Each structure stands twice: as C-alpha cells, then as structure tokens.
C-alpha atoms as a PDB file:
ATOM      1  CA  MET A   1     -60.675 129.046 -34.274  1.00  0.00           C
ATOM      2  CA  VAL A   2     -57.559 128.509 -32.146  1.00  0.00           C
ATOM      3  CA  PHE A   3     -58.947 130.866 -29.516  1.00  0.00           C
ATOM      4  CA  TYR A   4     -62.278 128.993 -29.530  1.00  0.00           C
ATOM      5  CA  ASN A   5     -60.505 125.641 -28.988  1.00  0.00           C
ATOM      6  CA  PHE A   6     -58.450 127.192 -26.207  1.00  0.00           C
ATOM      7  CA  ILE A   7     -61.599 128.486 -24.476  1.00  0.00           C
ATOM      8  CA  LYS A   8     -63.206 125.010 -24.774  1.00  0.00           C
ATOM      9  CA  ALA A   9     -60.123 123.430 -23.212  1.00  0.00           C
ATOM     10  CA  MET A  10     -60.115 126.007 -20.394  1.00  0.00           C
ATOM     11  CA  ALA A  11     -63.814 125.395 -19.689  1.00  0.00           C
ATOM     12  CA  ALA A  12     -63.261 121.633 -19.562  1.00  0.00           C
ATOM     13  CA  SER A  13     -60.289 122.137 -17.241  1.00  0.00           C
ATOM     14  CA  SER A  14     -62.263 124.392 -14.919  1.00  0.00           C
ATOM     15  CA  VAL A  15     -65.080 121.818 -14.682  1.00  0.00           C
ATOM     16  CA  THR A  16     -62.500 119.139 -13.870  1.00  0.00           C
ATOM     17  CA  VAL A  17     -60.927 121.310 -11.160  1.00  0.00           C
ATOM     18  CA  VAL A  18     -64.333 122.014  -9.603  1.00  0.00           C
ATOM     19  CA  LEU A  19     -65.278 118.321  -9.599  1.00  0.00           C
ATOM     20  CA  MET A  20     -61.935 117.283  -8.147  1.00  0.00           C
ATOM     21  CA  SER A  21     -62.172 119.891  -5.395  1.00  0.00           C
ATOM     22  CA  ALA A  22     -65.631 118.822  -4.179  1.00  0.00           C
ATOM     23  CA  PRO A  23     -65.497 117.427  -0.663  1.00  0.00           C
ATOM     24  CA  SER A  24     -65.299 113.671  -0.581  1.00  0.00           C
ATOM     25  CA  GLY A  25     -67.652 111.570   1.476  1.00  0.00           C
ATOM     26  CA  ALA A  26     -66.415 110.506   4.857  1.00  0.00           C
ATOM     27  CA  ALA A  27     -65.234 106.970   5.238  1.00  0.00           C
ATOM     28  CA  THR A  28     -66.416 104.069   7.354  1.00  0.00           C
ATOM     29  CA  ILE A  29     -64.026 102.149   9.560  1.00  0.00           C
ATOM     30  CA  ASN A  30     -64.752  98.611  10.689  1.00  0.00           C
ATOM     31  CA  GLU A  31     -63.598  96.963  13.903  1.00  0.00           C
ATOM     32  CA  GLY A  32     -62.313  94.060  11.819  1.00  0.00           C
ATOM     33  CA  SER A  33     -59.784  96.325  10.097  1.00  0.00           C
ATOM     34  CA  LEU A  34     -58.308  97.352  13.471  1.00  0.00           C
ATOM     35  CA  GLY A  35     -58.490  94.034  15.234  1.00  0.00           C
ATOM     36  CA  ASP A  36     -60.784  94.054  18.253  1.00  0.00           C
ATOM     37  CA  PHE A  37     -61.725  97.386  19.827  1.00  0.00           C
ATOM     38  CA  SER A  38     -60.160  97.847  23.251  1.00  0.00           C
ATOM     39  CA  ASN A  39     -61.927  96.389  26.274  1.00  0.00           C
ATOM     40  CA  ASP A  40     -59.803  98.522  28.634  1.00  0.00           C
ATOM     41  CA  TYR A  41     -61.440 101.777  29.712  1.00  0.00           C
ATOM     42  CA  ALA A  42     -57.993 103.276  30.462  1.00  0.00           C
ATOM     43  CA  ALA A  43     -56.710 102.553  26.931  1.00  0.00           C
ATOM     44  CA  PRO A  44     -59.608 102.964  24.464  1.00  0.00           C
ATOM     45  CA  THR A  45     -59.214 102.397  20.733  1.00  0.00           C
ATOM     46  CA  VAL A  46     -58.513 105.812  19.183  1.00  0.00           C
ATOM     47  CA  ILE A  47     -60.415 106.708  16.008  1.00  0.00           C
ATOM     48  CA  GLY A  48     -58.862 109.627  14.147  1.00  0.00           C
ATOM     49  CA  ASN A  49     -60.416 112.210  11.853  1.00  0.00           C
ATOM     50  CA  GLY A  50     -62.238 111.348   8.679  1.00  0.00           C
ATOM     51  CA  TYR A  51     -64.526 108.520   9.762  1.00  0.00           C
ATOM     52  CA  GLU A  52     -68.204 109.402  10.048  1.00  0.00           C
ATOM     53  CA  THR A  53     -69.252 105.798  10.625  1.00  0.00           C
ATOM     54  CA  VAL A  54     -67.625 103.242  12.907  1.00  0.00           C
ATOM     55  CA  ASP A  55     -68.884  99.654  12.677  1.00  0.00           C
ATOM     56  CA  GLY A  56     -68.198  97.057  15.328  1.00  0.00           C
ATOM     57  CA  ALA A  57     -69.532  94.028  17.157  1.00  0.00           C
ATOM     58  CA  THR A  58     -69.670  92.995  20.772  1.00  0.00           C
ATOM     59  CA  SER A  59     -70.705  90.004  22.832  1.00  0.00           C
ATOM     60  CA  VAL A  60     -71.303  89.314  26.518  1.00  0.00           C
ATOM     61  CA  GLY A  61     -68.107  90.034  28.445  1.00  0.00           C
ATOM     62  CA  ASP A  62     -66.562  92.038  25.579  1.00  0.00           C
ATOM     63  CA  LEU A  63     -66.726  95.731  26.457  1.00  0.00           C
ATOM     64  CA  ASP A  64     -65.811  98.131  23.652  1.00  0.00           C
ATOM     65  CA  PHE A  65     -64.181 101.464  24.531  1.00  0.00           C
ATOM     66  CA  VAL A  66     -63.612 103.938  21.703  1.00  0.00           C
ATOM     67  CA  GLU A  67     -62.107 107.431  21.779  1.00  0.00           C
ATOM     68  CA  PHE A  68     -62.784 110.006  19.074  1.00  0.00           C
ATOM     69  CA  ASN A  69     -60.335 112.878  19.111  1.00  0.00           C
ATOM     70  CA  GLY A  70     -60.301 115.860  16.814  1.00  0.00           C
ATOM     71  CA  LEU A  71     -64.063 115.975  16.290  1.00  0.00           C
ATOM     72  CA  ALA A  72     -65.618 119.260  15.298  1.00  0.00           C
ATOM     73  CA  ALA A  73     -66.287 121.285  18.429  1.00  0.00           C
ATOM     74  CA  GLY A  74     -69.817 122.406  19.215  1.00  0.00           C
ATOM     75  CA  ALA A  75     -73.296 120.954  19.344  1.00  0.00           C
ATOM     76  CA  GLN A  76     -73.974 117.723  17.447  1.00  0.00           C
ATOM     77  CA  THR A  77     -75.885 114.464  17.693  1.00  0.00           C
ATOM     78  CA  VAL A  78     -74.227 111.049  17.839  1.00  0.00           C
ATOM     79  CA  SER A  79     -76.279 107.942  17.003  1.00  0.00           C
ATOM     80  CA  VAL A  80     -75.538 104.274  17.607  1.00  0.00           C
ATOM     81  CA  THR A  81     -77.606 101.617  15.840  1.00  0.00           C
ATOM     82  CA  PHE A  82     -77.603  98.089  17.262  1.00  0.00           C
ATOM     83  CA  THR A  83     -78.571  95.107  15.099  1.00  0.00           C
ATOM     84  CA  SER A  84     -78.404  91.377  15.523  1.00  0.00           C
ATOM     85  CA  PRO A  85     -76.282  89.431  13.060  1.00  0.00           C
ATOM     86  CA  SER A  86     -78.501  86.401  13.721  1.00  0.00           C
ATOM     87  CA  VAL A  87     -81.761  87.741  12.300  1.00  0.00           C
ATOM     88  CA  GLY A  88     -84.298  84.988  11.755  1.00  0.00           C
ATOM     89  CA  SER A  89     -83.415  82.880  14.778  1.00  0.00           C
ATOM     90  CA  PHE A  90     -84.610  83.136  18.346  1.00  0.00           C
ATOM     91  CA  PHE A  91     -82.431  85.538  20.311  1.00  0.00           C
ATOM     92  CA  ILE A  92     -82.385  88.364  22.817  1.00  0.00           C
ATOM     93  CA  SER A  93     -79.612  90.884  23.428  1.00  0.00           C
ATOM     94  CA  SER A  94     -79.442  93.874  25.723  1.00  0.00           C
ATOM     95  CA  GLY A  95     -76.791  96.244  26.943  1.00  0.00           C
ATOM     96  CA  THR A  96     -75.826  99.843  27.588  1.00  0.00           C
ATOM     97  CA  LEU A  97     -74.279 102.796  25.795  1.00  0.00           C
ATOM     98  CA  ARG A  98     -72.271 105.366  27.777  1.00  0.00           C
ATOM     99  CA  TYR A  99     -70.314 108.428  26.726  1.00  0.00           C
ATOM    100  CA  SER A 100     -68.071 111.090  28.217  1.00  0.00           C
ATOM    101  CA  THR A 101     -66.039 114.088  27.090  1.00  0.00           C
ATOM    102  CA  GLN A 102     -63.331 113.101  29.603  1.00  0.00           C
ATOM    103  CA  PRO A 103     -61.419 109.798  29.764  1.00  0.00           C
ATOM    104  CA  PHE A 104     -63.262 107.037  31.617  1.00  0.00           C
ATOM    105  CA  THR A 105     -62.063 106.350  35.175  1.00  0.00           C
ATOM    106  CA  THR A 106     -63.956 103.042  35.552  1.00  0.00           C
ATOM    107  CA  SER A 107     -65.638 100.614  33.169  1.00  0.00           C
ATOM    108  CA  THR A 108     -69.068 102.007  34.134  1.00  0.00           C
ATOM    109  CA  ASP A 109     -68.072 105.686  34.052  1.00  0.00           C
ATOM    110  CA  GLY A 110     -69.719 108.277  31.835  1.00  0.00           C
ATOM    111  CA  THR A 111     -73.234 109.397  31.073  1.00  0.00           C
ATOM    112  CA  LEU A 112     -75.728 106.634  30.327  1.00  0.00           C
ATOM    113  CA  ALA A 113     -77.077 107.399  26.845  1.00  0.00           C
ATOM    114  CA  GLY A 114     -79.493 104.516  27.169  1.00  0.00           C
ATOM    115  CA  ALA A 115     -80.036 100.801  27.278  1.00  0.00           C
ATOM    116  CA  PHE A 116     -80.802  98.766  24.181  1.00  0.00           C
ATOM    117  CA  SER A 117     -82.757  95.574  23.818  1.00  0.00           C
ATOM    118  CA  ILE A 118     -83.139  93.712  20.537  1.00  0.00           C
ATOM    119  CA  TYR A 119     -84.853  90.372  20.124  1.00  0.00           C
ATOM    120  CA  ASP A 120     -86.536  87.942  17.758  1.00  0.00           C
ATOM    121  CA  PHE A 121     -89.032  85.418  19.089  1.00  0.00           C
ATOM    122  CA  GLY A 122     -90.428  84.511  15.695  1.00  0.00           C
ATOM    123  CA  PHE A 123     -93.937  85.849  16.243  1.00  0.00           C
ATOM    124  CA  PHE A 124     -92.674  89.258  17.413  1.00  0.00           C
ATOM    125  CA  SER A 125     -89.326  90.914  17.035  1.00  0.00           C
ATOM    126  CA  SER A 126     -87.324  94.107  17.257  1.00  0.00           C
ATOM    127  CA  THR A 127     -83.998  93.403  15.576  1.00  0.00           C
ATOM    128  CA  THR A 128     -82.713  96.986  15.334  1.00  0.00           C
ATOM    129  CA  GLN A 129     -82.564  99.816  17.847  1.00  0.00           C
ATOM    130  CA  THR A 130     -80.941 103.249  17.641  1.00  0.00           C
ATOM    131  CA  LEU A 131     -79.795 105.264  20.639  1.00  0.00           C
ATOM    132  CA  SER A 132     -78.776 108.910  20.204  1.00  0.00           C
ATOM    133  CA  PHE A 133     -77.241 111.509  22.453  1.00  0.00           C
ATOM    134  CA  ASN A 134     -76.632 115.220  22.002  1.00  0.00           C
ATOM    135  CA  LEU A 135     -73.383 117.025  22.637  1.00  0.00           C
ATOM    136  CA  ASP A 136     -73.962 120.652  23.571  1.00  0.00           C
ATOM    137  CA  SER A 137     -72.258 123.803  22.317  1.00  0.00           C
ATOM    138  CA  SER A 138     -69.500 123.462  24.950  1.00  0.00           C
ATOM    139  CA  PHE A 139     -68.300 120.167  23.384  1.00  0.00           C
ATOM    140  CA  ASN A 140     -64.523 120.459  22.833  1.00  0.00           C
ATOM    141  CA  GLY A 141     -63.866 117.710  20.263  1.00  0.00           C
ATOM    142  CA  SER A 142     -62.917 114.687  22.438  1.00  0.00           C
ATOM    143  CA  LEU A 143     -65.501 111.940  22.904  1.00  0.00           C
ATOM    144  CA  PHE A 144     -65.243 108.619  24.739  1.00  0.00           C
ATOM    145  CA  VAL A 145     -67.830 105.898  24.041  1.00  0.00           C
ATOM    146  CA  SER A 146     -68.447 102.652  25.938  1.00  0.00           C
ATOM    147  CA  LEU A 147     -70.608  99.780  24.660  1.00  0.00           C
ATOM    148  CA  ALA A 148     -71.438  96.868  26.934  1.00  0.00           C
ATOM    149  CA  LEU A 149     -73.570  93.833  26.113  1.00  0.00           C
ATOM    150  CA  ALA A 150     -75.048  92.540  29.368  1.00  0.00           C
ATOM    151  CA  LEU A 151     -77.182  89.689  28.093  1.00  0.00           C
ATOM    152  CA  GLY A 152     -77.698  87.432  25.122  1.00  0.00           C
ATOM    153  CA  SER A 153     -76.451  86.967  21.601  1.00  0.00           C
ATOM    154  CA  PRO A 154     -73.657  89.014  20.001  1.00  0.00           C
ATOM    155  CA  VAL A 155     -74.728  92.267  18.335  1.00  0.00           C
ATOM    156  CA  SER A 156     -73.354  94.520  15.634  1.00  0.00           C
ATOM    157  CA  TYR A 157     -73.372  98.272  16.010  1.00  0.00           C
ATOM    158  CA  SER A 158     -72.791 101.312  13.863  1.00  0.00           C
ATOM    159  CA  ILE A 159     -71.733 104.629  15.413  1.00  0.00           C
ATOM    160  CA  SER A 160     -72.625 107.709  13.361  1.00  0.00           C
ATOM    161  CA  ILE A 161     -70.332 110.667  14.140  1.00  0.00           C
ATOM    162  CA  PRO A 162     -71.226 113.558  11.806  1.00  0.00           C
ATOM    163  CA  GLY A 163     -68.606 115.815  13.434  1.00  0.00           C
ATOM    164  CA  ASN A 164     -65.781 113.535  12.311  1.00  0.00           C
ATOM    165  CA  ALA A 165     -65.991 114.245   8.576  1.00  0.00           C
ATOM    166  CA  PRO A 166     -62.733 115.270   6.930  1.00  0.00           C
ATOM    167  CA  ALA A 167     -62.367 118.998   6.536  1.00  0.00           C
ATOM    168  CA  PRO A 168     -62.661 120.138   2.928  1.00  0.00           C
ATOM    169  CA  VAL A 169     -59.412 121.241   1.363  1.00  0.00           C
ATOM    170  CA  PRO A 170     -59.516 125.007   0.960  1.00  0.00           C
ATOM    171  CA  LEU A 171     -58.886 126.185  -2.564  1.00  0.00           C
ATOM    172  CA  PRO A 172     -57.726 129.623  -3.618  1.00  0.00           C
ATOM    173  CA  ALA A 173     -60.323 131.880  -5.146  1.00  0.00           C
ATOM    174  CA  SER A 174     -60.470 129.566  -8.159  1.00  0.00           C
ATOM    175  CA  ALA A 175     -63.352 131.298  -9.929  1.00  0.00           C
ATOM    176  CA  ALA A 176     -61.631 134.689  -9.715  1.00  0.00           C
ATOM    177  CA  LEU A 177     -58.342 133.194 -10.899  1.00  0.00           C
ATOM    178  CA  LEU A 178     -60.077 131.435 -13.778  1.00  0.00           C
ATOM    179  CA  LEU A 179     -61.795 134.644 -14.882  1.00  0.00           C
ATOM    180  CA  ALA A 180     -58.552 136.610 -14.588  1.00  0.00           C
ATOM    181  CA  GLY A 181     -56.760 133.977 -16.672  1.00  0.00           C
ATOM    182  CA  LEU A 182     -59.453 133.982 -19.343  1.00  0.00           C
ATOM    183  CA  GLY A 183     -59.400 137.789 -19.363  1.00  0.00           C
ATOM    184  CA  GLY A 184     -55.631 137.731 -19.854  1.00  0.00           C
ATOM    185  CA  VAL A 185     -55.941 135.263 -22.739  1.00  0.00           C
ATOM    186  CA  GLY A 186     -58.654 137.437 -24.289  1.00  0.00           C
ATOM    187  CA  ALA A 187     -56.470 140.551 -23.955  1.00  0.00           C
ATOM    188  CA  VAL A 188     -53.527 138.806 -25.628  1.00  0.00           C
ATOM    189  CA  SER A 189     -55.796 137.588 -28.426  1.00  0.00           C
ATOM    190  CA  TRP A 190     -57.270 141.069 -28.932  1.00  0.00           C
ATOM    191  CA  ARG A 191     -53.768 142.575 -28.979  1.00  0.00           C
ATOM    192  CA  ARG A 192     -52.588 140.091 -31.635  1.00  0.00           C
ATOM    193  CA  ARG A 193     -55.584 140.860 -33.821  1.00  0.00           C
ATOM    194  CA  ALA A 194     -54.948 144.594 -33.412  1.00  0.00           C
ATOM    195  CA  ARG A 195     -51.288 144.158 -34.496  1.00  0.00           C
ATOM    196  CA  ARG A 196     -52.276 142.092 -37.533  1.00  0.00           C
ATOM    197  CA  ALA A 197     -54.810 144.706 -38.590  1.00  0.00           C
ATOM    198  CA  ALA A 198     -52.243 147.521 -38.298  1.00  0.00           C
END
C-alpha cells in the first residue's frame, strides 16, 4: 500500500512538472506602458525578446519608430493591424508602414510595406486594415519598423511578431529520468520484499 501511494504521488508530481514546463504564451506590450514610442528614426524604441504583440497608437505628426532585436532568424511574416479608436463617428485616416533590417538613415527610409486607409462615413466604412510583409530566410534577427499617419484621425495599431516569442526553457530528459527513478524505487521495493521473505 505504501508503494502504491508513493507511485500515485510520483505520477502527480510528474504531471505537475510537465504542466509547469509547457511553454508559456508570449506577452503583449503596450505603448502606454513604455511612454510614447520614439519619433526619432535614429533612436527607435527597442522592444526586447518575449513580446509577440506590440500595441500602440499614432496621430498626424507623431511618427513611431520601433526596433526589434533578438528575433528568431529566418523567414517569417510580420503583420500590422490598424484600427480607429473612434469607431461610429465620421473619420478618415491614412498612413504608411515601412520596415528595414538595418537602422533607418532618414524618417522615410526602409521598404514600404504598404499604405493603409481606414474610414467611417456612416453609410460605408472600413475601420480595420492589416498590412503584412515577409522576411526571407536571410533575415538575421534585427527589424526596424516605422509607422506614419499622414492624414486624419488618430489610429491604434497592433504589430504581430511571431518570431519574438520567448524561447522554451530546455528541460533535461525528464521522461527518462522519471522512468529511471520509478525503476529504482521498484528495485528497492522488490529487494525489501525479497529480504522479508528470506
């Protein structure tokens, strides 16, 4: 009976270890928690590892420059979704999204990923737009992003960076160690029973 209770406790412990070692979801960082994102192309706001989503807002005259360093190298897709915080009222907003794998040298430097235009005129509207760009297999892990609103009402945006997820913590060969430990406990138990019988 003692051995049975021990095995139950070991099984519960192993389930707990497996659940605790599962990779956690990546976090979201909001511009409000960092103050305002930099509007200086030579000194972008640096976003470190572990954030798969970056939320911000911009208005006319407020350029946002963000640098992601330590991203996973290799091919991946980055998406930016623009939405209007003033849904339900008449508005129009448009601007551009640029990116580069090298630091910007001017405020309009980098590859144009696209222009966005969101609007609501009551009888027709388009209050959300997503722009995406692909990084190829030669991507080295550093990404610079520029968002500029050229016209209209302030907009919110959400940058999705799948290559910025935290790396899972490597665990030792836990299954093999668990089996070896259970085997050792079983051997000790068998040996005790053999001594009692003798």
